[in-house]
Amino acid sequence: MTQTYESPFTEEDDLAVVATQKIPNTFATLRDHFAGTSPPPNPVAHQFWVDQSNSLLMQRNAANTAWDIFARLGVPTSQQTLGPGVHGTVNATVNLFVGLSPAARTVTKIILVSNAASTSTSGNEVTFQLRNLTAAQNLFSGTVGTFTALGGVGGGADLVANTAYVLTPNQNANIAANAALELQITYVGAPTATLTRFTTYLVVE
């Protein structure tokens, strides 16, 4: 699908080309929100773009200098996404509030996205724990991080820039209405990980 928005047209444009190609392409581009695997050319402030590589709906910021994550695409109708929770830059141990469930739900996954990648080695990684603050329960049964994998949860791989990083609860996934959840991020050793434009999505059903 084209990502080219061709307007305004000029006097030099061939009318037949405008009528049969440029106008249809421009309307198609608007209908699918500039869908493509890379950003569209010549963006304007507040413009939407469907990032097909990562199944994300992006929006150009007001200064027209960067793309912000607006929503995650492809969530089944039985599921609901709480978020996005945009947290800015994460470069040290921190606890982030990630969701308040409006009703009793089952947490199916938490999705993390960063504009920057991480680089980890044994003893030097970023670890994650999803915690139900209301019930004082962990949703991950052990350590999971950018070097350490945990069966049924995930991990064991570094974050890749602008790519979804999915972790799945393996215990205490059923949460009550108004349960407050927090993502606890711990820097172990000295991983190379300044996570810019860090965003979280909590998926429940």
N, C-alpha and C. Protein backbone atom coordinates (compact mmCIF):
# COMPACT_ATOMS: atom_id res chain seq x y z
N MET A 1 0.85 -1.20 0.00
CA MET A 1 0.00 0.00 0.00
C MET A 1 0.89 1.24 0.00
N THR A 2 0.45 2.24 -0.75
CA THR A 2 1.22 3.48 -0.82
C THR A 2 1.23 4.22 0.51
N GLN A 3 2.31 4.95 0.77
CA GLN A 3 2.39 5.84 1.93
C GLN A 3 2.52 7.29 1.47
N THR A 4 2.25 7.53 0.20
CA THR A 4 2.48 8.85 -0.39
C THR A 4 1.19 9.67 -0.39
N TYR A 5 1.26 10.80 0.27
CA TYR A 5 0.15 11.75 0.26
C TYR A 5 0.49 12.82 -0.76
N GLU A 6 -0.22 12.85 -1.88
CA GLU A 6 0.13 13.73 -3.00
C GLU A 6 -0.88 14.86 -3.12
N SER A 7 -0.61 15.94 -2.42
CA SER A 7 -1.46 17.12 -2.48
C SER A 7 -0.66 18.29 -1.90
N PRO A 8 -0.81 19.49 -2.46
CA PRO A 8 -1.66 19.84 -3.60
C PRO A 8 -1.02 19.43 -4.92
N PHE A 9 -1.82 19.37 -5.94
CA PHE A 9 -1.32 19.05 -7.27
C PHE A 9 -0.92 20.35 -7.97
N THR A 10 -0.08 20.23 -8.99
CA THR A 10 0.42 21.42 -9.68
C THR A 10 -0.13 21.47 -11.10
N GLU A 11 0.06 22.62 -11.74
CA GLU A 11 -0.41 22.78 -13.12
C GLU A 11 0.33 21.86 -14.08
N GLU A 12 1.55 21.46 -13.68
CA GLU A 12 2.34 20.58 -14.55
C GLU A 12 1.88 19.13 -14.50
N ASP A 13 1.05 18.77 -13.50
CA ASP A 13 0.62 17.38 -13.37
C ASP A 13 -0.30 16.99 -14.52
N ASP A 14 -0.09 15.80 -15.04
CA ASP A 14 -0.96 15.25 -16.06
C ASP A 14 -2.31 14.91 -15.44
N LEU A 15 -3.40 15.45 -16.00
CA LEU A 15 -4.72 15.26 -15.40
C LEU A 15 -5.12 13.80 -15.34
N ALA A 16 -4.75 13.04 -16.35
CA ALA A 16 -5.10 11.62 -16.34
C ALA A 16 -4.37 10.88 -15.21
N VAL A 17 -3.10 11.23 -14.98
CA VAL A 17 -2.34 10.61 -13.90
C VAL A 17 -2.91 11.01 -12.55
N VAL A 18 -3.29 12.29 -12.42
CA VAL A 18 -3.89 12.76 -11.17
C VAL A 18 -5.17 11.99 -10.88
N ALA A 19 -6.03 11.85 -11.88
CA ALA A 19 -7.33 11.22 -11.69
C ALA A 19 -7.23 9.72 -11.46
N THR A 20 -6.30 9.06 -12.14
CA THR A 20 -6.26 7.60 -12.06
C THR A 20 -5.25 7.06 -11.06
N GLN A 21 -4.27 7.89 -10.65
CA GLN A 21 -3.23 7.40 -9.74
C GLN A 21 -3.08 8.23 -8.47
N LYS A 22 -2.85 9.52 -8.63
CA LYS A 22 -2.48 10.32 -7.46
C LYS A 22 -3.64 10.50 -6.48
N ILE A 23 -4.82 10.81 -6.98
CA ILE A 23 -5.96 10.96 -6.07
C ILE A 23 -6.32 9.64 -5.40
N PRO A 24 -6.45 8.52 -6.15
CA PRO A 24 -6.74 7.24 -5.49
C PRO A 24 -5.66 6.83 -4.48
N ASN A 25 -4.39 7.06 -4.83
CA ASN A 25 -3.31 6.70 -3.89
C ASN A 25 -3.38 7.54 -2.62
N THR A 26 -3.70 8.82 -2.76
CA THR A 26 -3.80 9.70 -1.60
C THR A 26 -4.94 9.26 -0.69
N PHE A 27 -6.10 8.93 -1.26
CA PHE A 27 -7.22 8.47 -0.43
C PHE A 27 -6.90 7.14 0.23
N ALA A 28 -6.23 6.23 -0.49
CA ALA A 28 -5.86 4.94 0.09
C ALA A 28 -4.90 5.13 1.25
N THR A 29 -3.97 6.07 1.10
CA THR A 29 -3.02 6.36 2.17
C THR A 29 -3.72 6.86 3.41
N LEU A 30 -4.70 7.74 3.26
CA LEU A 30 -5.44 8.26 4.40
C LEU A 30 -6.28 7.17 5.06
N ARG A 31 -6.86 6.29 4.25
CA ARG A 31 -7.74 5.24 4.80
C ARG A 31 -6.99 4.27 5.67
N ASP A 32 -5.74 3.94 5.34
CA ASP A 32 -5.01 2.94 6.13
C ASP A 32 -3.98 3.58 7.06
N HIS A 33 -4.09 4.89 7.30
CA HIS A 33 -3.21 5.60 8.23
C HIS A 33 -1.73 5.43 7.86
N PHE A 34 -1.41 5.60 6.59
CA PHE A 34 -0.02 5.57 6.12
C PHE A 34 0.68 4.26 6.51
N ALA A 35 -0.04 3.15 6.48
CA ALA A 35 0.49 1.86 6.92
C ALA A 35 1.74 1.47 6.14
N GLY A 36 2.75 1.01 6.88
CA GLY A 36 3.99 0.57 6.26
C GLY A 36 4.97 0.10 7.31
N THR A 37 6.06 -0.49 6.86
CA THR A 37 7.06 -1.02 7.80
C THR A 37 8.08 0.03 8.21
N SER A 38 8.03 1.19 7.58
CA SER A 38 8.90 2.30 7.97
C SER A 38 8.07 3.58 7.98
N PRO A 39 8.54 4.63 8.66
CA PRO A 39 7.76 5.86 8.75
C PRO A 39 7.50 6.47 7.38
N PRO A 40 6.36 7.11 7.21
CA PRO A 40 6.07 7.77 5.93
C PRO A 40 6.93 9.00 5.76
N PRO A 41 7.19 9.40 4.51
CA PRO A 41 8.00 10.59 4.28
C PRO A 41 7.22 11.86 4.58
N ASN A 42 7.92 12.92 4.89
CA ASN A 42 7.35 14.24 5.08
C ASN A 42 6.18 14.27 6.07
N PRO A 43 6.37 13.75 7.29
CA PRO A 43 5.27 13.75 8.26
C PRO A 43 4.95 15.15 8.74
N VAL A 44 3.73 15.29 9.27
CA VAL A 44 3.32 16.56 9.88
C VAL A 44 2.90 16.28 11.31
N ALA A 45 2.88 17.32 12.14
CA ALA A 45 2.49 17.17 13.54
C ALA A 45 1.11 16.53 13.65
N HIS A 46 0.99 15.57 14.58
CA HIS A 46 -0.25 14.87 14.93
C HIS A 46 -0.66 13.81 13.90
N GLN A 47 0.13 13.59 12.87
CA GLN A 47 -0.20 12.58 11.86
C GLN A 47 -0.13 11.18 12.46
N PHE A 48 -1.03 10.29 12.03
CA PHE A 48 -0.99 8.89 12.43
C PHE A 48 -0.20 8.07 11.41
N TRP A 49 0.37 6.96 11.90
CA TRP A 49 1.07 6.00 11.04
C TRP A 49 0.93 4.61 11.65
N VAL A 50 0.47 3.64 10.87
CA VAL A 50 0.41 2.25 11.32
C VAL A 50 1.75 1.60 11.03
N ASP A 51 2.49 1.29 12.09
CA ASP A 51 3.79 0.63 11.99
C ASP A 51 3.54 -0.87 11.87
N GLN A 52 3.58 -1.37 10.64
CA GLN A 52 3.25 -2.78 10.39
C GLN A 52 4.32 -3.74 10.91
N SER A 53 5.53 -3.24 11.13
CA SER A 53 6.58 -4.12 11.64
C SER A 53 6.34 -4.51 13.09
N ASN A 54 5.69 -3.62 13.85
CA ASN A 54 5.51 -3.84 15.28
C ASN A 54 4.05 -3.83 15.73
N SER A 55 3.11 -3.74 14.77
CA SER A 55 1.68 -3.72 15.08
C SER A 55 1.33 -2.61 16.06
N LEU A 56 1.82 -1.40 15.76
CA LEU A 56 1.58 -0.25 16.61
C LEU A 56 0.98 0.89 15.79
N LEU A 57 0.05 1.63 16.42
CA LEU A 57 -0.44 2.86 15.83
C LEU A 57 0.38 4.00 16.43
N MET A 58 1.13 4.69 15.59
CA MET A 58 2.01 5.76 16.02
C MET A 58 1.38 7.11 15.68
N GLN A 59 1.75 8.14 16.46
CA GLN A 59 1.30 9.49 16.16
C GLN A 59 2.50 10.43 16.25
N ARG A 60 2.59 11.33 15.29
CA ARG A 60 3.67 12.32 15.28
C ARG A 60 3.44 13.32 16.41
N ASN A 61 4.50 13.68 17.12
CA ASN A 61 4.33 14.61 18.25
C ASN A 61 4.06 16.03 17.75
N ALA A 62 3.65 16.90 18.69
CA ALA A 62 3.24 18.25 18.33
C ALA A 62 4.37 19.07 17.73
N ALA A 63 5.62 18.75 18.11
CA ALA A 63 6.77 19.48 17.58
C ALA A 63 7.22 18.93 16.22
N ASN A 64 6.59 17.84 15.79
CA ASN A 64 6.93 17.18 14.53
C ASN A 64 8.40 16.75 14.50
N THR A 65 8.86 16.17 15.64
CA THR A 65 10.25 15.75 15.74
C THR A 65 10.41 14.25 15.99
N ALA A 66 9.33 13.55 16.39
CA ALA A 66 9.44 12.12 16.71
C ALA A 66 8.06 11.49 16.67
N TRP A 67 8.06 10.16 16.62
CA TRP A 67 6.82 9.39 16.63
C TRP A 67 6.56 8.87 18.04
N ASP A 68 5.33 9.02 18.52
CA ASP A 68 4.91 8.48 19.81
C ASP A 68 4.01 7.28 19.59
N ILE A 69 4.09 6.31 20.50
CA ILE A 69 3.20 5.15 20.43
C ILE A 69 1.81 5.58 20.89
N PHE A 70 0.81 5.40 20.04
CA PHE A 70 -0.56 5.78 20.38
C PHE A 70 -1.38 4.58 20.86
N ALA A 71 -1.22 3.42 20.22
CA ALA A 71 -1.98 2.23 20.62
C ALA A 71 -1.33 1.00 20.02
N ARG A 72 -1.63 -0.15 20.63
CA ARG A 72 -1.18 -1.44 20.09
C ARG A 72 -2.31 -2.04 19.29
N LEU A 73 -1.99 -2.58 18.13
CA LEU A 73 -2.99 -3.12 17.23
C LEU A 73 -3.12 -4.64 17.38
N GLY A 74 -4.25 -5.17 17.00
CA GLY A 74 -4.44 -6.60 16.93
C GLY A 74 -4.80 -7.27 18.23
N VAL A 75 -5.31 -6.52 19.21
CA VAL A 75 -5.75 -7.13 20.47
C VAL A 75 -7.10 -7.79 20.24
N PRO A 76 -7.26 -9.10 20.54
CA PRO A 76 -8.55 -9.75 20.34
C PRO A 76 -9.67 -9.04 21.07
N THR A 77 -10.90 -9.17 20.56
CA THR A 77 -12.03 -8.48 21.16
C THR A 77 -12.30 -8.93 22.59
N SER A 78 -11.84 -10.13 22.96
CA SER A 78 -12.05 -10.61 24.33
C SER A 78 -11.06 -9.99 25.30
N GLN A 79 -10.08 -9.25 24.75
CA GLN A 79 -9.05 -8.68 25.58
C GLN A 79 -9.15 -7.15 25.62
N GLN A 80 -8.56 -6.58 26.62
CA GLN A 80 -8.55 -5.13 26.78
C GLN A 80 -7.13 -4.72 27.13
N THR A 81 -6.70 -3.63 26.54
CA THR A 81 -5.37 -3.12 26.84
C THR A 81 -5.47 -1.95 27.80
N LEU A 82 -4.83 -2.07 28.95
CA LEU A 82 -4.76 -0.97 29.90
C LEU A 82 -3.48 -0.22 29.61
N GLY A 83 -3.60 1.00 29.20
CA GLY A 83 -2.44 1.78 28.82
C GLY A 83 -2.73 2.49 27.51
N PRO A 84 -1.73 3.00 26.80
CA PRO A 84 -0.34 2.83 27.17
C PRO A 84 0.07 3.69 28.36
N GLY A 85 1.03 3.16 29.11
CA GLY A 85 1.63 3.95 30.17
C GLY A 85 2.99 4.42 29.70
N VAL A 86 3.12 5.69 29.39
CA VAL A 86 4.37 6.23 28.87
C VAL A 86 5.19 6.78 30.03
N HIS A 87 6.40 6.29 30.17
CA HIS A 87 7.20 6.61 31.35
C HIS A 87 8.47 7.39 31.05
N GLY A 88 8.72 7.74 29.80
CA GLY A 88 9.92 8.51 29.49
C GLY A 88 11.16 7.64 29.50
N THR A 89 12.22 8.12 30.14
CA THR A 89 13.50 7.41 30.16
C THR A 89 13.65 6.60 31.44
N VAL A 90 14.03 5.33 31.28
CA VAL A 90 14.31 4.45 32.41
C VAL A 90 15.77 4.03 32.32
N ASN A 91 16.58 4.42 33.30
CA ASN A 91 18.00 4.07 33.25
C ASN A 91 18.54 3.63 34.61
N ALA A 92 17.63 3.26 35.52
CA ALA A 92 18.03 2.78 36.84
C ALA A 92 16.85 2.02 37.45
N THR A 93 17.09 1.36 38.57
CA THR A 93 16.04 0.63 39.26
C THR A 93 14.88 1.56 39.58
N VAL A 94 13.66 1.14 39.23
CA VAL A 94 12.49 1.99 39.41
C VAL A 94 11.23 1.13 39.45
N ASN A 95 10.21 1.58 40.14
CA ASN A 95 8.90 0.94 40.14
C ASN A 95 7.93 1.82 39.39
N LEU A 96 7.21 1.25 38.40
CA LEU A 96 6.32 2.01 37.55
C LEU A 96 4.89 1.51 37.70
N PHE A 97 3.96 2.41 37.99
CA PHE A 97 2.55 2.06 38.02
C PHE A 97 2.11 1.79 36.58
N VAL A 98 1.51 0.61 36.34
CA VAL A 98 1.19 0.23 34.96
C VAL A 98 -0.30 -0.01 34.71
N GLY A 99 -1.14 -0.08 35.73
CA GLY A 99 -2.54 -0.29 35.43
C GLY A 99 -3.42 -0.39 36.65
N LEU A 100 -4.68 0.01 36.46
CA LEU A 100 -5.72 -0.12 37.48
C LEU A 100 -6.90 -0.77 36.79
N SER A 101 -7.19 -2.02 37.13
CA SER A 101 -8.22 -2.77 36.43
C SER A 101 -9.61 -2.23 36.78
N PRO A 102 -10.46 -1.92 35.78
CA PRO A 102 -11.79 -1.40 36.07
C PRO A 102 -12.75 -2.47 36.58
N ALA A 103 -12.40 -3.74 36.40
CA ALA A 103 -13.24 -4.85 36.86
C ALA A 103 -12.36 -6.07 37.06
N ALA A 104 -12.91 -7.12 37.63
CA ALA A 104 -12.14 -8.36 37.81
C ALA A 104 -11.69 -8.85 36.43
N ARG A 105 -10.43 -9.14 36.30
CA ARG A 105 -9.86 -9.52 35.00
C ARG A 105 -8.77 -10.57 35.22
N THR A 106 -8.31 -11.14 34.09
CA THR A 106 -7.13 -12.00 34.07
C THR A 106 -6.06 -11.32 33.25
N VAL A 107 -4.90 -11.11 33.84
CA VAL A 107 -3.79 -10.48 33.11
C VAL A 107 -3.17 -11.54 32.20
N THR A 108 -3.15 -11.26 30.90
CA THR A 108 -2.59 -12.23 29.95
C THR A 108 -1.16 -11.92 29.54
N LYS A 109 -0.78 -10.64 29.61
CA LYS A 109 0.60 -10.29 29.26
C LYS A 109 0.86 -8.83 29.61
N ILE A 110 2.13 -8.50 29.72
CA ILE A 110 2.54 -7.11 29.76
C ILE A 110 3.53 -6.92 28.62
N ILE A 111 3.34 -5.82 27.89
CA ILE A 111 4.16 -5.54 26.72
C ILE A 111 4.98 -4.29 27.00
N LEU A 112 6.27 -4.38 26.79
CA LEU A 112 7.19 -3.27 27.01
C LEU A 112 7.75 -2.83 25.66
N VAL A 113 7.87 -1.52 25.47
CA VAL A 113 8.45 -0.98 24.24
C VAL A 113 9.38 0.16 24.62
N SER A 114 10.55 0.18 23.99
CA SER A 114 11.51 1.25 24.22
C SER A 114 12.06 1.73 22.88
N ASN A 115 12.38 3.01 22.78
CA ASN A 115 13.01 3.52 21.57
C ASN A 115 14.48 3.11 21.47
N ALA A 116 15.03 2.60 22.59
CA ALA A 116 16.43 2.19 22.60
C ALA A 116 16.54 0.73 23.01
N ALA A 117 17.58 0.07 22.55
CA ALA A 117 17.81 -1.33 22.88
C ALA A 117 18.61 -1.46 24.18
N SER A 118 18.65 -2.69 24.71
CA SER A 118 19.50 -2.99 25.86
C SER A 118 20.59 -3.96 25.43
N THR A 119 21.69 -3.98 26.19
CA THR A 119 22.77 -4.94 25.96
C THR A 119 23.13 -5.55 27.30
N SER A 120 22.93 -6.87 27.43
CA SER A 120 23.11 -7.55 28.71
C SER A 120 24.10 -8.71 28.58
N THR A 121 24.71 -9.03 29.71
CA THR A 121 25.56 -10.20 29.82
C THR A 121 25.25 -10.87 31.15
N SER A 122 25.84 -12.02 31.40
CA SER A 122 25.62 -12.70 32.67
C SER A 122 26.01 -11.79 33.83
N GLY A 123 25.06 -11.57 34.74
CA GLY A 123 25.30 -10.70 35.89
C GLY A 123 25.09 -9.22 35.62
N ASN A 124 24.78 -8.90 34.38
CA ASN A 124 24.53 -7.50 34.00
C ASN A 124 23.28 -7.46 33.13
N GLU A 125 22.15 -7.21 33.75
CA GLU A 125 20.89 -7.25 33.01
C GLU A 125 19.84 -6.39 33.70
N VAL A 126 18.74 -6.19 32.99
CA VAL A 126 17.57 -5.52 33.54
C VAL A 126 16.54 -6.61 33.85
N THR A 127 16.08 -6.68 35.10
CA THR A 127 15.07 -7.68 35.46
C THR A 127 13.73 -7.01 35.70
N PHE A 128 12.66 -7.81 35.56
CA PHE A 128 11.30 -7.30 35.67
C PHE A 128 10.48 -8.16 36.62
N GLN A 129 9.61 -7.51 37.38
CA GLN A 129 8.62 -8.21 38.20
C GLN A 129 7.31 -7.44 38.10
N LEU A 130 6.25 -8.13 37.74
CA LEU A 130 4.93 -7.52 37.69
C LEU A 130 4.23 -7.84 39.00
N ARG A 131 3.81 -6.81 39.72
CA ARG A 131 3.29 -7.02 41.07
C ARG A 131 1.90 -6.41 41.23
N ASN A 132 1.01 -7.18 41.85
CA ASN A 132 -0.31 -6.71 42.23
C ASN A 132 -0.16 -6.05 43.60
N LEU A 133 -0.17 -4.73 43.63
CA LEU A 133 0.04 -4.01 44.88
C LEU A 133 -1.13 -4.22 45.84
N THR A 134 -2.33 -4.31 45.30
CA THR A 134 -3.53 -4.43 46.13
C THR A 134 -3.54 -5.75 46.90
N ALA A 135 -3.16 -6.83 46.23
CA ALA A 135 -3.17 -8.16 46.86
C ALA A 135 -1.80 -8.57 47.39
N ALA A 136 -0.79 -7.72 47.21
CA ALA A 136 0.58 -8.02 47.64
C ALA A 136 1.05 -9.35 47.06
N GLN A 137 0.91 -9.47 45.71
CA GLN A 137 1.30 -10.71 45.03
C GLN A 137 2.14 -10.40 43.81
N ASN A 138 3.13 -11.30 43.54
CA ASN A 138 3.89 -11.24 42.31
C ASN A 138 3.20 -12.05 41.23
N LEU A 139 3.23 -11.56 39.99
CA LEU A 139 2.65 -12.32 38.88
C LEU A 139 3.68 -13.15 38.15
N PHE A 140 4.97 -12.91 38.41
CA PHE A 140 6.04 -13.76 37.89
C PHE A 140 6.61 -14.56 39.06
N SER A 141 6.79 -15.86 38.86
CA SER A 141 7.19 -16.73 39.97
C SER A 141 8.67 -16.66 40.31
N GLY A 142 9.46 -15.99 39.48
CA GLY A 142 10.89 -15.90 39.75
C GLY A 142 11.51 -14.77 38.96
N THR A 143 12.83 -14.82 38.80
CA THR A 143 13.55 -13.75 38.11
C THR A 143 13.44 -13.91 36.60
N VAL A 144 13.06 -12.83 35.95
CA VAL A 144 13.03 -12.78 34.49
C VAL A 144 13.64 -11.45 34.07
N GLY A 145 14.49 -11.50 33.06
CA GLY A 145 15.15 -10.28 32.64
C GLY A 145 15.71 -10.37 31.25
N THR A 146 16.53 -9.39 30.90
CA THR A 146 17.08 -9.31 29.55
C THR A 146 18.20 -10.31 29.30
N PHE A 147 18.60 -11.05 30.34
CA PHE A 147 19.55 -12.16 30.17
C PHE A 147 18.97 -13.46 30.71
N THR A 148 18.11 -13.36 31.73
CA THR A 148 17.57 -14.54 32.40
C THR A 148 16.15 -14.86 31.90
N ALA A 149 15.97 -16.04 31.32
CA ALA A 149 14.65 -16.49 30.89
C ALA A 149 13.96 -17.22 32.02
N LEU A 150 12.64 -17.12 32.08
CA LEU A 150 11.83 -17.84 33.06
C LEU A 150 10.73 -18.56 32.32
N GLY A 151 10.66 -19.88 32.49
CA GLY A 151 9.67 -20.68 31.79
C GLY A 151 8.25 -20.19 32.00
N GLY A 152 7.51 -20.04 30.91
CA GLY A 152 6.14 -19.58 30.98
C GLY A 152 5.99 -18.08 31.06
N VAL A 153 7.08 -17.37 31.29
CA VAL A 153 7.03 -15.91 31.40
C VAL A 153 7.72 -15.25 30.21
N GLY A 154 8.94 -15.66 29.92
CA GLY A 154 9.69 -15.07 28.82
C GLY A 154 11.03 -14.58 29.28
N GLY A 155 11.50 -13.47 28.69
CA GLY A 155 12.81 -12.95 29.03
C GLY A 155 13.92 -13.69 28.31
N GLY A 156 15.16 -13.48 28.80
CA GLY A 156 16.30 -14.16 28.21
C GLY A 156 16.78 -13.54 26.92
N ALA A 157 16.28 -12.35 26.59
CA ALA A 157 16.70 -11.65 25.37
C ALA A 157 16.66 -10.16 25.63
N ASP A 158 17.55 -9.44 24.96
CA ASP A 158 17.58 -7.99 25.13
C ASP A 158 16.39 -7.32 24.44
N LEU A 159 16.05 -6.13 24.94
CA LEU A 159 15.06 -5.31 24.26
C LEU A 159 15.63 -4.82 22.95
N VAL A 160 14.80 -4.83 21.92
CA VAL A 160 15.17 -4.30 20.62
C VAL A 160 14.40 -3.00 20.43
N ALA A 161 15.05 -2.00 19.91
CA ALA A 161 14.43 -0.68 19.79
C ALA A 161 13.12 -0.75 19.01
N ASN A 162 12.08 -0.11 19.55
CA ASN A 162 10.77 0.02 18.90
C ASN A 162 10.14 -1.33 18.55
N THR A 163 10.39 -2.32 19.41
CA THR A 163 9.85 -3.66 19.19
C THR A 163 9.21 -4.16 20.47
N ALA A 164 8.04 -4.77 20.34
CA ALA A 164 7.32 -5.27 21.51
C ALA A 164 8.13 -6.34 22.23
N TYR A 165 8.20 -6.23 23.56
CA TYR A 165 8.88 -7.20 24.43
C TYR A 165 7.79 -7.75 25.36
N VAL A 166 7.43 -9.01 25.18
CA VAL A 166 6.24 -9.56 25.84
C VAL A 166 6.64 -10.47 27.00
N LEU A 167 6.01 -10.24 28.15
CA LEU A 167 6.18 -11.09 29.32
C LEU A 167 4.79 -11.56 29.76
N THR A 168 4.69 -12.84 30.13
CA THR A 168 3.39 -13.44 30.46
C THR A 168 3.36 -13.90 31.91
N PRO A 169 2.39 -13.44 32.71
CA PRO A 169 2.29 -13.91 34.09
C PRO A 169 2.14 -15.43 34.16
N ASN A 170 2.80 -16.07 35.13
CA ASN A 170 2.62 -17.52 35.31
C ASN A 170 2.03 -17.85 36.68
N GLN A 171 1.55 -16.83 37.40
CA GLN A 171 0.85 -17.07 38.67
C GLN A 171 0.08 -15.79 39.04
N ASN A 172 -0.93 -15.95 39.88
CA ASN A 172 -1.70 -14.81 40.41
C ASN A 172 -2.21 -13.88 39.32
N ALA A 173 -2.54 -14.45 38.15
CA ALA A 173 -2.95 -13.63 37.01
C ALA A 173 -4.37 -13.08 37.16
N ASN A 174 -5.21 -13.73 37.98
CA ASN A 174 -6.57 -13.24 38.19
C ASN A 174 -6.55 -12.10 39.20
N ILE A 175 -7.03 -10.95 38.78
CA ILE A 175 -6.98 -9.77 39.64
C ILE A 175 -8.39 -9.24 39.88
N ALA A 176 -8.59 -8.62 41.02
CA ALA A 176 -9.89 -8.09 41.39
C ALA A 176 -10.10 -6.70 40.78
N ALA A 177 -11.34 -6.25 40.81
CA ALA A 177 -11.64 -4.90 40.35
C ALA A 177 -10.83 -3.88 41.15
N ASN A 178 -10.34 -2.88 40.45
CA ASN A 178 -9.56 -1.79 41.04
C ASN A 178 -8.21 -2.24 41.58
N ALA A 179 -7.74 -3.41 41.15
CA ALA A 179 -6.40 -3.84 41.55
C ALA A 179 -5.36 -2.95 40.88
N ALA A 180 -4.41 -2.50 41.65
CA ALA A 180 -3.33 -1.65 41.13
C ALA A 180 -2.11 -2.51 40.85
N LEU A 181 -1.58 -2.42 39.64
CA LEU A 181 -0.41 -3.21 39.26
C LEU A 181 0.79 -2.32 39.00
N GLU A 182 1.94 -2.87 39.35
CA GLU A 182 3.20 -2.12 39.25
C GLU A 182 4.25 -3.00 38.58
N LEU A 183 5.02 -2.41 37.70
CA LEU A 183 6.15 -3.09 37.10
C LEU A 183 7.41 -2.66 37.84
N GLN A 184 8.08 -3.63 38.44
CA GLN A 184 9.30 -3.34 39.17
C GLN A 184 10.49 -3.67 38.27
N ILE A 185 11.29 -2.65 37.96
CA ILE A 185 12.44 -2.79 37.08
C ILE A 185 13.71 -2.66 37.92
N THR A 186 14.57 -3.67 37.83
CA THR A 186 15.80 -3.68 38.63
C THR A 186 17.01 -3.79 37.71
N TYR A 187 17.95 -2.90 37.89
CA TYR A 187 19.21 -2.96 37.14
C TYR A 187 20.21 -3.78 37.95
N VAL A 188 20.55 -4.95 37.44
CA VAL A 188 21.50 -5.85 38.10
C VAL A 188 22.86 -5.68 37.44
N GLY A 189 23.88 -5.41 38.25
CA GLY A 189 25.20 -5.16 37.66
C GLY A 189 25.18 -3.86 36.88
N ALA A 190 25.74 -3.91 35.67
CA ALA A 190 25.84 -2.71 34.84
C ALA A 190 25.45 -3.00 33.40
N PRO A 191 24.18 -3.28 33.16
CA PRO A 191 23.75 -3.49 31.77
C PRO A 191 23.80 -2.17 31.01
N THR A 192 23.98 -2.27 29.69
CA THR A 192 23.90 -1.08 28.85
C THR A 192 22.43 -0.92 28.47
N ALA A 193 21.74 -0.08 29.21
CA ALA A 193 20.29 0.00 28.99
C ALA A 193 19.75 1.33 29.49
N THR A 194 19.76 2.32 28.62
CA THR A 194 19.02 3.55 28.87
C THR A 194 17.80 3.49 27.97
N LEU A 195 16.67 3.13 28.58
CA LEU A 195 15.45 2.84 27.82
C LEU A 195 14.67 4.13 27.62
N THR A 196 14.77 4.69 26.43
CA THR A 196 14.12 5.96 26.14
C THR A 196 12.71 5.76 25.63
N ARG A 197 11.83 6.73 25.94
CA ARG A 197 10.43 6.68 25.54
C ARG A 197 9.83 5.33 25.91
N PHE A 198 10.11 4.89 27.13
CA PHE A 198 9.70 3.58 27.61
C PHE A 198 8.18 3.57 27.82
N THR A 199 7.52 2.54 27.28
CA THR A 199 6.07 2.46 27.29
C THR A 199 5.64 1.06 27.71
N THR A 200 4.56 0.97 28.48
CA THR A 200 4.03 -0.33 28.90
C THR A 200 2.57 -0.47 28.48
N TYR A 201 2.20 -1.71 28.15
CA TYR A 201 0.81 -2.06 27.88
C TYR A 201 0.47 -3.27 28.73
N LEU A 202 -0.62 -3.22 29.46
CA LEU A 202 -1.07 -4.35 30.25
C LEU A 202 -2.30 -4.92 29.54
N VAL A 203 -2.24 -6.18 29.15
CA VAL A 203 -3.33 -6.81 28.41
C VAL A 203 -4.10 -7.73 29.35
N VAL A 204 -5.42 -7.52 29.42
CA VAL A 204 -6.27 -8.32 30.31
C VAL A 204 -7.46 -8.85 29.53
N GLU A 205 -8.11 -9.87 30.09
CA GLU A 205 -9.33 -10.37 29.44
C GLU A 205 -10.33 -10.79 30.51
